[in-house]
N, C-alpha and C. Protein backbone atom coordinates (compact mmCIF):
# COMPACT_ATOMS: atom_id res chain seq x y z
N MET A 1 -41.71 3.23 -30.87
CA MET A 1 -42.32 4.64 -30.84
C MET A 1 -43.19 4.76 -29.34
N THR A 2 -43.17 6.16 -29.15
CA THR A 2 -44.09 6.29 -27.73
C THR A 2 -44.70 7.33 -27.58
N TRP A 3 -46.43 7.87 -27.57
CA TRP A 3 -46.54 9.10 -28.09
C TRP A 3 -46.31 9.91 -26.07
N LYS A 4 -45.65 11.04 -26.61
CA LYS A 4 -44.81 12.42 -26.05
C LYS A 4 -45.87 13.12 -25.71
N THR A 5 -46.11 14.16 -24.45
CA THR A 5 -46.65 15.20 -24.58
C THR A 5 -45.37 16.22 -23.96
N MET A 6 -45.02 17.18 -24.71
CA MET A 6 -44.47 18.14 -24.98
C MET A 6 -44.81 19.50 -24.90
N ARG A 7 -44.33 20.52 -24.19
CA ARG A 7 -44.48 21.94 -23.76
C ARG A 7 -43.58 22.86 -24.30
N LEU A 8 -44.15 23.42 -25.15
CA LEU A 8 -43.49 24.89 -25.65
C LEU A 8 -43.40 25.67 -25.48
N GLU A 9 -42.34 26.83 -24.97
CA GLU A 9 -43.00 28.14 -24.46
C GLU A 9 -42.31 29.05 -25.12
N LEU A 10 -42.38 30.17 -25.56
CA LEU A 10 -41.98 31.07 -26.29
C LEU A 10 -40.92 31.58 -25.99
N ALA A 11 -39.58 31.35 -26.78
CA ALA A 11 -38.20 32.22 -26.18
C ALA A 11 -37.90 33.30 -26.20
N ARG A 12 -36.97 33.59 -26.75
CA ARG A 12 -36.54 35.26 -26.22
C ARG A 12 -37.23 35.69 -27.72
N THR A 13 -37.61 36.79 -28.01
CA THR A 13 -38.16 37.96 -28.97
C THR A 13 -37.77 39.10 -28.70
N PRO A 14 -37.62 40.36 -29.41
CA PRO A 14 -37.85 41.48 -28.87
C PRO A 14 -39.00 42.23 -28.16
N GLU A 15 -39.74 41.70 -28.32
CA GLU A 15 -41.07 41.87 -27.40
C GLU A 15 -40.85 41.43 -26.01
N PHE A 16 -40.58 40.14 -26.01
CA PHE A 16 -39.95 39.13 -24.82
C PHE A 16 -39.30 38.88 -24.58
N PRO A 17 -37.83 39.81 -24.27
CA PRO A 17 -36.55 39.21 -23.65
C PRO A 17 -35.84 38.41 -23.40
N ASN A 18 -36.85 37.88 -22.39
CA ASN A 18 -37.01 36.71 -21.35
C ASN A 18 -37.76 35.34 -21.80
N GLY A 19 -38.23 35.74 -23.13
CA GLY A 19 -39.34 34.70 -23.20
C GLY A 19 -40.78 34.75 -22.59
N SER A 20 -41.52 33.57 -22.74
CA SER A 20 -42.63 33.76 -21.79
C SER A 20 -43.47 32.69 -21.60
N SER A 21 -43.18 32.17 -20.32
CA SER A 21 -44.17 30.63 -20.00
C SER A 21 -45.31 31.17 -20.31
N ALA A 22 -45.92 32.18 -20.85
CA ALA A 22 -47.63 32.13 -20.70
C ALA A 22 -47.98 32.08 -22.01
N HIS A 23 -47.37 32.53 -23.01
CA HIS A 23 -46.95 31.93 -24.21
C HIS A 23 -46.50 30.50 -24.77
N ALA A 24 -47.76 29.36 -24.92
CA ALA A 24 -47.20 28.35 -24.65
C ALA A 24 -48.27 27.49 -25.54
N TYR A 25 -47.29 26.11 -26.51
CA TYR A 25 -48.51 25.20 -26.64
C TYR A 25 -47.87 23.84 -25.89
N VAL A 26 -49.01 23.01 -25.85
CA VAL A 26 -48.80 21.40 -24.93
C VAL A 26 -49.23 20.23 -26.19
N PHE A 27 -48.79 19.82 -26.87
CA PHE A 27 -49.20 18.83 -27.75
C PHE A 27 -48.55 17.76 -27.31
N ARG A 28 -49.33 16.31 -27.87
CA ARG A 28 -48.62 15.05 -28.29
C ARG A 28 -48.72 14.43 -29.35
N VAL A 29 -47.85 13.82 -29.41
CA VAL A 29 -47.36 12.87 -31.03
C VAL A 29 -46.77 11.33 -30.65
N PRO A 30 -46.78 10.90 -31.45
CA PRO A 30 -45.57 9.26 -31.45
C PRO A 30 -44.33 10.16 -32.15
N LEU A 31 -43.57 9.68 -30.94
CA LEU A 31 -42.06 9.72 -31.17
C LEU A 31 -40.95 8.49 -31.17
N ASP A 32 -40.36 8.08 -32.10
CA ASP A 32 -39.65 7.03 -32.42
C ASP A 32 -38.41 7.13 -30.91
N ASP A 33 -37.29 6.47 -31.15
CA ASP A 33 -36.50 6.32 -29.75
C ASP A 33 -35.45 7.70 -30.40
N ASP A 34 -35.18 8.03 -31.44
CA ASP A 34 -34.51 9.18 -31.72
C ASP A 34 -35.05 10.45 -32.14
N GLY A 35 -36.44 11.07 -31.12
CA GLY A 35 -37.29 11.66 -31.26
C GLY A 35 -37.65 12.60 -32.43
N TYR A 36 -38.00 11.33 -33.31
CA TYR A 36 -38.84 11.93 -34.68
C TYR A 36 -40.33 11.80 -34.63
N ILE A 37 -40.84 12.36 -35.01
CA ILE A 37 -42.51 12.26 -35.30
C ILE A 37 -42.50 10.83 -35.96
N ASP A 38 -43.42 10.19 -35.44
CA ASP A 38 -43.84 8.89 -36.46
C ASP A 38 -44.73 8.76 -37.30
N PRO A 39 -44.35 9.68 -38.43
CA PRO A 39 -45.78 9.89 -39.47
C PRO A 39 -47.24 9.13 -39.37
N VAL A 40 -46.22 7.32 -39.77
CA VAL A 40 -47.24 6.36 -40.11
C VAL A 40 -48.33 6.22 -38.73
N ALA A 41 -47.63 6.08 -37.28
CA ALA A 41 -48.88 6.30 -35.98
C ALA A 41 -49.40 7.58 -36.05
N LEU A 42 -49.08 8.89 -36.16
CA LEU A 42 -49.39 10.14 -36.25
C LEU A 42 -50.67 9.81 -37.63
N ARG A 43 -50.45 9.47 -38.27
CA ARG A 43 -52.11 8.90 -39.41
C ARG A 43 -53.11 8.47 -38.59
N GLU A 44 -52.51 7.14 -38.11
CA GLU A 44 -53.39 6.12 -37.92
C GLU A 44 -53.87 6.50 -36.64
N ALA A 45 -53.65 7.68 -36.01
CA ALA A 45 -54.24 7.35 -34.95
C ALA A 45 -55.56 8.74 -34.84
N GLU A 46 -55.49 9.53 -35.85
CA GLU A 46 -56.60 10.32 -36.14
C GLU A 46 -56.49 11.35 -35.28
N LYS A 47 -57.17 11.26 -34.25
CA LYS A 47 -57.48 12.85 -33.39
C LYS A 47 -56.62 12.18 -32.14
N ARG A 48 -55.94 11.49 -31.74
CA ARG A 48 -55.10 11.19 -30.51
C ARG A 48 -54.10 12.23 -30.58
N PRO A 49 -53.56 12.50 -31.92
CA PRO A 49 -52.25 13.85 -31.85
C PRO A 49 -53.09 15.22 -31.73
N VAL A 50 -52.96 15.57 -30.01
CA VAL A 50 -54.13 17.05 -29.84
C VAL A 50 -52.43 17.92 -29.68
N VAL A 51 -53.49 19.25 -29.77
CA VAL A 51 -52.47 20.60 -29.28
C VAL A 51 -53.84 21.43 -28.64
N ARG A 52 -52.85 22.17 -27.79
CA ARG A 52 -53.29 23.17 -27.09
C ARG A 52 -52.53 24.26 -27.29
N ARG A 53 -53.16 25.70 -27.43
CA ARG A 53 -52.49 26.36 -27.79
C ARG A 53 -52.74 27.76 -26.38
N PHE A 54 -52.11 28.20 -25.59
CA PHE A 54 -52.16 29.54 -24.55
C PHE A 54 -51.74 30.59 -24.47
N TRP A 55 -52.61 31.17 -24.58
CA TRP A 55 -52.34 33.31 -25.34
C TRP A 55 -52.60 33.76 -23.96
N PRO A 56 -51.95 34.64 -23.89
CA PRO A 56 -52.66 35.59 -22.46
C PRO A 56 -53.83 36.51 -23.22
N GLY A 57 -54.50 37.07 -22.92
CA GLY A 57 -55.80 37.80 -23.71
C GLY A 57 -56.69 36.90 -24.62
N GLU A 58 -56.49 35.49 -24.64
CA GLU A 58 -57.26 35.08 -26.11
C GLU A 58 -57.61 33.62 -25.32
N PRO A 59 -58.81 33.14 -25.81
CA PRO A 59 -59.13 32.08 -25.13
C PRO A 59 -58.14 30.89 -26.15
N ASP A 60 -58.10 29.54 -25.10
CA ASP A 60 -57.45 28.90 -25.32
C ASP A 60 -57.95 28.10 -26.72
N GLN A 61 -56.56 27.44 -27.50
CA GLN A 61 -57.19 26.42 -28.80
C GLN A 61 -57.33 24.90 -28.88
N ASN A 62 -58.07 24.77 -29.22
CA ASN A 62 -57.64 23.46 -29.53
C ASN A 62 -57.66 22.65 -30.72
N GLY A 63 -56.70 21.83 -30.99
CA GLY A 63 -56.60 21.38 -32.38
C GLY A 63 -55.85 19.89 -32.24
N VAL A 64 -55.32 19.86 -33.85
CA VAL A 64 -54.50 18.22 -33.81
C VAL A 64 -53.43 18.54 -34.71
N VAL A 65 -52.20 17.68 -34.55
CA VAL A 65 -50.74 17.91 -35.42
C VAL A 65 -51.18 17.08 -36.68
N ILE A 66 -50.84 17.85 -37.54
CA ILE A 66 -51.23 17.33 -39.04
C ILE A 66 -49.80 17.22 -39.73
N SER A 67 -49.87 16.63 -40.53
CA SER A 67 -48.83 16.41 -41.98
C SER A 67 -49.42 17.09 -43.26
N ASN A 68 -48.92 17.86 -43.76
CA ASN A 68 -49.21 18.82 -44.74
C ASN A 68 -47.70 18.67 -45.61
N GLU A 69 -48.18 19.65 -46.77
CA GLU A 69 -46.83 19.63 -47.96
C GLU A 69 -45.66 19.93 -47.48
N LYS A 70 -46.06 21.01 -46.68
CA LYS A 70 -45.06 21.98 -46.44
C LYS A 70 -44.41 21.54 -44.83
N GLY A 71 -45.10 20.31 -43.95
CA GLY A 71 -44.06 19.55 -43.28
C GLY A 71 -45.62 19.42 -41.83
N TRP A 72 -45.04 19.60 -40.61
CA TRP A 72 -45.81 19.39 -39.65
C TRP A 72 -46.30 20.78 -39.04
N ALA A 73 -47.77 20.73 -38.70
CA ALA A 73 -48.47 21.80 -38.52
C ALA A 73 -49.40 21.63 -37.48
N PHE A 74 -49.68 22.65 -36.46
CA PHE A 74 -50.73 22.31 -35.82
C PHE A 74 -52.07 22.99 -36.22
N SER A 75 -53.19 22.41 -36.11
CA SER A 75 -54.60 22.60 -37.32
C SER A 75 -55.60 23.05 -36.20
N TYR A 76 -56.54 23.93 -36.04
CA TYR A 76 -57.53 24.03 -35.16
C TYR A 76 -58.73 23.87 -35.45
N LYS A 77 -58.90 24.13 -37.06
CA LYS A 77 -60.57 23.81 -38.01
C LYS A 77 -59.85 23.47 -39.18
N VAL A 78 -61.14 22.67 -39.60
CA VAL A 78 -60.86 22.10 -40.81
C VAL A 78 -60.27 22.87 -42.31
N GLY A 79 -59.48 22.68 -42.73
CA GLY A 79 -59.11 23.50 -43.93
C GLY A 79 -57.40 24.20 -43.51
N ASP A 80 -56.72 24.94 -44.36
CA ASP A 80 -55.54 25.15 -43.75
C ASP A 80 -54.95 26.83 -43.62
N ASP A 81 -56.62 27.54 -43.39
CA ASP A 81 -56.56 28.72 -42.92
C ASP A 81 -55.76 29.24 -41.88
N ASP A 82 -56.30 28.40 -41.05
CA ASP A 82 -55.79 28.21 -39.26
C ASP A 82 -54.55 27.73 -38.97
N ASP A 83 -53.81 27.06 -39.91
CA ASP A 83 -52.49 25.95 -39.70
C ASP A 83 -51.35 26.83 -39.03
N GLU A 84 -50.47 26.63 -38.18
CA GLU A 84 -49.32 26.99 -38.17
C GLU A 84 -48.39 26.37 -38.25
N LEU A 85 -47.63 26.32 -39.21
CA LEU A 85 -46.49 25.49 -39.36
C LEU A 85 -45.58 25.47 -38.43
N ILE A 86 -45.12 24.38 -37.96
CA ILE A 86 -43.77 23.83 -37.47
C ILE A 86 -42.10 23.59 -38.18
N PHE A 87 -41.98 24.95 -38.03
CA PHE A 87 -40.63 24.72 -39.20
C PHE A 87 -39.59 23.90 -39.36
N GLY A 88 -39.09 22.87 -40.04
CA GLY A 88 -38.52 21.87 -39.82
C GLY A 88 -38.02 20.82 -38.78
N LEU A 89 -39.34 20.59 -38.38
CA LEU A 89 -39.58 19.56 -37.32
C LEU A 89 -39.50 18.11 -37.95
N GLN A 90 -39.91 17.95 -39.30
CA GLN A 90 -39.58 16.71 -40.20
C GLN A 90 -38.13 16.39 -39.89
N ASN A 91 -37.38 17.38 -39.95
CA ASN A 91 -35.94 16.86 -40.27
C ASN A 91 -35.32 17.18 -38.67
N HIS A 92 -35.88 17.47 -37.49
CA HIS A 92 -35.40 17.41 -36.49
C HIS A 92 -35.69 17.00 -35.20
N PRO A 93 -35.08 16.13 -34.32
CA PRO A 93 -35.43 15.28 -33.35
C PRO A 93 -36.31 16.44 -32.32
N ILE A 94 -37.36 16.31 -31.76
CA ILE A 94 -38.06 16.49 -30.64
C ILE A 94 -37.41 16.34 -29.19
N GLN A 95 -36.57 17.44 -28.68
CA GLN A 95 -35.73 17.01 -27.19
C GLN A 95 -35.95 18.31 -26.48
N ILE A 96 -35.74 18.41 -25.33
CA ILE A 96 -35.79 19.48 -23.86
C ILE A 96 -34.66 20.31 -24.37
N GLY A 97 -34.67 21.66 -24.55
CA GLY A 97 -33.42 22.34 -24.47
C GLY A 97 -33.43 23.00 -26.25
N GLU A 98 -33.95 22.24 -27.05
CA GLU A 98 -34.04 22.60 -28.16
C GLU A 98 -35.15 23.39 -29.07
N TYR A 99 -34.88 24.41 -29.95
CA TYR A 99 -36.05 25.27 -30.75
C TYR A 99 -36.77 24.76 -31.68
N LEU A 100 -37.96 25.16 -31.58
CA LEU A 100 -38.70 25.42 -32.77
C LEU A 100 -39.22 26.62 -33.14
N THR A 101 -39.47 27.08 -34.64
CA THR A 101 -40.04 27.77 -35.22
C THR A 101 -41.49 27.55 -35.65
N ILE A 102 -42.67 28.50 -35.03
CA ILE A 102 -43.69 28.38 -35.46
C ILE A 102 -44.31 29.58 -36.04
N THR A 103 -44.98 29.23 -37.24
CA THR A 103 -45.19 30.68 -38.30
C THR A 103 -47.00 30.92 -37.96
N GLU A 104 -46.97 31.75 -36.87
CA GLU A 104 -48.41 31.93 -37.09
C GLU A 104 -49.47 32.02 -37.99
N THR A 105 -50.80 31.96 -37.68
CA THR A 105 -51.58 32.32 -39.07
C THR A 105 -51.64 33.92 -39.60
N ASP A 106 -51.26 34.59 -38.76
CA ASP A 106 -50.93 36.11 -39.05
C ASP A 106 -49.84 36.15 -40.36
N GLY A 107 -48.70 34.94 -40.07
CA GLY A 107 -47.28 35.01 -40.99
C GLY A 107 -46.05 35.31 -40.30
N SER A 108 -46.59 35.75 -38.86
CA SER A 108 -45.13 36.09 -38.27
C SER A 108 -44.60 34.58 -37.29
N GLU A 109 -43.43 34.66 -37.51
CA GLU A 109 -42.45 33.20 -37.33
C GLU A 109 -42.01 33.78 -35.65
N LEU A 110 -42.16 33.07 -34.80
CA LEU A 110 -42.04 32.79 -33.54
C LEU A 110 -41.19 31.78 -32.93
N PRO A 111 -40.11 31.71 -32.37
CA PRO A 111 -39.44 30.79 -31.60
C PRO A 111 -39.81 30.22 -30.76
N PHE A 112 -39.69 28.68 -30.33
CA PHE A 112 -40.13 28.14 -28.73
C PHE A 112 -39.27 27.21 -28.59
N LYS A 113 -39.04 26.93 -27.22
CA LYS A 113 -38.21 26.14 -26.94
C LYS A 113 -39.11 24.94 -26.11
N VAL A 114 -38.39 24.02 -26.33
CA VAL A 114 -38.95 22.33 -25.59
C VAL A 114 -38.70 22.45 -24.42
N VAL A 115 -39.47 22.96 -23.59
CA VAL A 115 -39.30 23.10 -21.83
C VAL A 115 -39.81 21.43 -21.37
N SER A 116 -40.50 20.89 -21.94
CA SER A 116 -41.11 19.61 -21.16
C SER A 116 -41.15 18.36 -21.77
N CYS A 117 -41.00 17.67 -21.81
CA CYS A 117 -41.43 15.76 -22.57
C CYS A 117 -41.34 15.03 -21.86
N ARG A 118 -42.68 14.53 -21.96
CA ARG A 118 -43.07 13.44 -20.90
C ARG A 118 -43.93 11.91 -21.48
N GLU A 119 -44.13 10.80 -20.80
CA GLU A 119 -44.94 10.18 -21.24
C GLU A 119 -46.48 10.16 -20.72
């Protein structure tokens, strides 16, 4: 298990046909050798699995990566009102070039591409 820092950037959408590097997340989680989040290490680390959300025209948001009954999510405050669910992450490894779908707090689902992964 190794702690990795990943950057996700908005992939192609109707509003952004070329994607957008300005709409991004940077997060740090423990990964096993196959690229899956290690849930035990994540729970034991408490505040180490952090996330930062970058969005033009909005202040950056800082939070943590959590596991809940729906899967993995980014959470910025106590409670689940602001949680952004990361679709299918529990079944897929995190690797450069892969895509993840994040459900925003308003319910919209947006595709993001893993553009970097470093220790």
